């Protein structure tokens, strides 16, 4: 599996770009999975529901299965799992797009929009940020600057970087 990240500060447009990349890349015939890192507690279950009760009783993993999809809820007691551990649980695909995990060791595109944050670009300090996707003119970068509004071109860049396209 090839891994490529989409990083940036909060509200920069990461999720919108991810959505567009998944649609574009899957339309080209590639299989894609995504991983989204969040900084808050996640629970897809609701108190009182059967699967919630299974977890509360001590089940390590609970699978919710239906005709259209299934989800595996895994309880872990301890530190947050690192990206490698999360990736190891995925079924094989051509490409895994990772939103977040901005400090992990995989190639990334940084999403940056002027006026959204007062924080500086991450790219100059991280050699694994291979390009910046933005809607603002940026000068002086040593990596390609891509138009944030042209998801197909961003997808082209990622597919070339990962070796999925020439």
Protein backbone atom coordinates (compact mmCIF):
# COMPACT_ATOMS: atom_id res chain seq x y z
CA UNK A 1 0.00 0.00 0.00
CA UNK A 2 1.14 3.47 -0.77
CA UNK A 3 0.57 6.16 1.84
CA UNK A 4 0.18 9.89 1.25
CA UNK A 5 -0.80 12.55 3.73
CA UNK A 6 -2.86 15.72 3.64
CA UNK A 7 -1.93 18.05 6.48
CA UNK A 8 -2.59 21.62 7.53
CA UNK A 9 -3.94 23.72 10.34
CA UNK A 10 -7.55 23.58 11.49
CA UNK A 11 -10.13 24.81 8.94
CA UNK A 12 -7.58 25.00 6.14
CA UNK A 13 -9.65 22.76 3.84
CA UNK A 14 -8.04 19.37 4.42
CA UNK A 15 -11.29 17.39 4.53
CA UNK A 16 -12.69 19.08 1.43
CA UNK A 17 -9.50 18.30 -0.47
CA UNK A 18 -9.53 14.70 0.83
CA UNK A 19 -13.11 14.25 -0.38
CA UNK A 20 -12.22 15.56 -3.83
CA UNK A 21 -9.04 13.46 -4.02
CA UNK A 22 -10.88 10.26 -3.11
CA UNK A 23 -13.55 10.94 -5.74
CA UNK A 24 -10.98 11.79 -8.42
CA UNK A 25 -8.56 8.95 -7.73
CA UNK A 26 -11.26 6.27 -7.42
CA UNK A 27 -12.80 7.53 -10.69
CA UNK A 28 -9.44 6.69 -12.30
CA UNK A 29 -9.84 3.08 -11.19
CA UNK A 30 -7.61 3.03 -8.11
CA UNK A 31 -8.76 1.69 -4.75
CA UNK A 32 -8.43 4.21 -1.93
CA UNK A 33 -8.85 4.08 1.82
CA UNK A 34 -8.56 6.98 4.23
CA UNK A 35 -7.35 7.52 7.76
CA UNK A 36 -8.42 10.63 9.68
CA UNK A 37 -6.61 11.63 12.85
CA UNK A 38 -8.68 13.46 15.43
CA UNK A 39 -7.68 15.10 18.69
CA UNK A 40 -10.90 14.33 20.54
CA UNK A 41 -12.60 11.19 21.80
CA UNK A 42 -14.40 9.24 19.09
CA UNK A 43 -17.38 7.01 19.70
CA UNK A 44 -19.60 5.72 16.92
CA UNK A 45 -21.78 3.94 19.42
CA UNK A 46 -24.58 5.16 21.70
CA UNK A 47 -25.24 4.32 25.34
CA UNK A 48 -27.88 1.65 25.72
CA UNK A 49 -27.39 0.11 22.25
CA UNK A 50 -26.41 -3.56 22.08
CA UNK A 51 -22.91 -2.94 20.76
CA UNK A 52 -22.29 -0.28 23.40
CA UNK A 53 -23.33 -2.79 26.02
CA UNK A 54 -20.91 -5.35 24.55
CA UNK A 55 -18.04 -2.85 24.88
CA UNK A 56 -19.06 -1.83 28.38
CA UNK A 57 -19.08 -5.50 29.37
CA UNK A 58 -15.42 -5.75 28.32
CA UNK A 59 -15.31 -6.79 24.67
CA UNK A 60 -12.01 -5.74 23.10
CA UNK A 61 -13.51 -5.42 19.62
CA UNK A 62 -17.11 -5.10 18.53
CA UNK A 63 -18.16 -5.38 14.91
CA UNK A 64 -21.28 -3.59 13.70
CA UNK A 65 -22.34 -5.35 10.50
CA UNK A 66 -25.12 -4.55 8.07
CA UNK A 67 -25.96 -5.19 4.44
CA UNK A 68 -24.05 -2.05 3.29
CA UNK A 69 -21.03 -1.81 5.61
CA UNK A 70 -19.38 -2.90 8.78
CA UNK A 71 -17.37 -1.07 11.40
CA UNK A 72 -14.94 -2.45 13.90
CA UNK A 73 -14.82 -0.64 17.21
CA UNK A 74 -11.64 -1.50 19.05
CA UNK A 75 -11.08 -0.55 22.64
CA UNK A 76 -7.54 0.24 23.61
CA UNK A 77 -6.47 1.02 27.09
CA UNK A 78 -3.32 3.05 26.93
CA UNK A 79 -1.63 5.40 24.53
CA UNK A 80 -3.15 6.42 21.23
CA UNK A 81 -2.18 3.95 18.49
CA UNK A 82 0.45 5.23 16.10
CA UNK A 83 -0.20 5.48 12.39
CA UNK A 84 1.66 2.24 11.56
CA UNK A 85 -0.62 0.30 13.89
CA UNK A 86 -3.71 1.85 12.31
CA UNK A 87 -2.46 1.18 8.77
CA UNK A 88 -1.71 -2.46 9.62
CA UNK A 89 -5.43 -3.03 10.24
CA UNK A 90 -6.54 -1.83 6.80
CA UNK A 91 -7.37 -4.14 3.92
CA UNK A 92 -4.98 -3.77 0.98
CA UNK A 93 -5.70 -0.91 -1.43
CA UNK A 94 -3.71 1.01 -4.01
CA UNK A 95 -3.50 4.18 -1.92
CA UNK A 96 -4.21 5.25 1.65
CA UNK A 97 -4.79 8.97 2.06
CA UNK A 98 -4.06 10.13 5.60
CA UNK A 99 -5.62 13.31 6.95
CA UNK A 100 -3.65 14.62 9.88
CA UNK A 101 -0.73 12.84 11.54
CA UNK A 102 1.21 15.92 10.47
CA UNK A 103 4.43 14.96 12.25
CA UNK A 104 4.57 11.32 11.10
CA UNK A 105 7.16 10.03 8.63
CA UNK A 106 5.25 9.77 5.36
CA UNK A 107 5.08 12.08 2.33
CA UNK A 108 2.47 14.83 2.59
CA UNK A 109 0.83 17.77 0.92
CA UNK A 110 0.15 20.77 3.12
CA UNK A 111 -3.13 22.64 2.68
CA UNK A 112 -2.75 26.33 3.41
CA UNK A 113 -5.27 29.12 2.97
CA UNK A 114 -4.46 32.74 3.59
CA UNK A 115 -6.41 34.35 6.40
CA UNK A 116 -7.58 31.05 7.90
CA UNK A 117 -4.85 30.77 10.49
CA UNK A 118 -2.15 32.98 11.87
CA UNK A 119 0.20 30.00 12.01
CA UNK A 120 3.13 29.69 9.65
CA UNK A 121 3.48 27.05 6.98
CA UNK A 122 4.61 23.65 8.21
CA UNK A 123 6.48 22.86 4.98
CA UNK A 124 9.71 24.78 5.47
CA UNK A 125 10.43 22.76 8.61
CA UNK A 126 9.34 19.34 7.31
CA UNK A 127 11.15 17.79 4.32
CA UNK A 128 8.36 15.21 3.97
CA UNK A 129 5.92 17.95 2.90
CA UNK A 130 6.41 17.53 -0.85
CA UNK A 131 4.02 20.28 -2.01
CA UNK A 132 1.68 22.98 -0.75
CA UNK A 133 -1.91 23.17 -2.01
CA UNK A 134 -3.17 26.71 -1.59
CA UNK A 135 -5.59 29.29 -2.90
CA UNK A 136 -3.12 32.13 -2.31
CA UNK A 137 0.07 33.15 -4.08
CA UNK A 138 3.10 31.78 -2.23
CA UNK A 139 6.65 32.58 -3.19
CA UNK A 140 9.99 31.30 -2.05
CA UNK A 141 9.07 27.68 -1.40
CA UNK A 142 11.39 24.88 -2.48
CA UNK A 143 8.47 22.54 -3.23
CA UNK A 144 5.71 22.74 -5.85
CA UNK A 145 2.79 25.05 -5.10
CA UNK A 146 -0.48 23.52 -6.31
CA UNK A 147 -3.86 25.17 -6.79
CA UNK A 148 -6.09 23.99 -3.94
CA UNK A 149 -9.13 24.35 -6.19
CA UNK A 150 -7.76 21.97 -8.83
CA UNK A 151 -8.10 18.62 -7.09
CA UNK A 152 -7.36 16.68 -10.30
CA UNK A 153 -3.92 18.30 -10.50
CA UNK A 154 -3.29 17.59 -6.83
CA UNK A 155 -4.32 13.97 -7.51
CA UNK A 156 -1.93 13.88 -10.50
CA UNK A 157 0.89 15.00 -8.20
CA UNK A 158 0.10 12.37 -5.56
CA UNK A 159 -0.21 9.57 -8.12
CA UNK A 160 3.16 10.52 -9.66
CA UNK A 161 4.76 10.76 -6.20
CA UNK A 162 3.48 7.33 -5.19
CA UNK A 163 4.40 5.67 -8.48
CA UNK A 164 0.78 4.90 -9.35
CA UNK A 165 0.97 7.10 -12.46
CA UNK A 166 3.84 8.10 -14.71
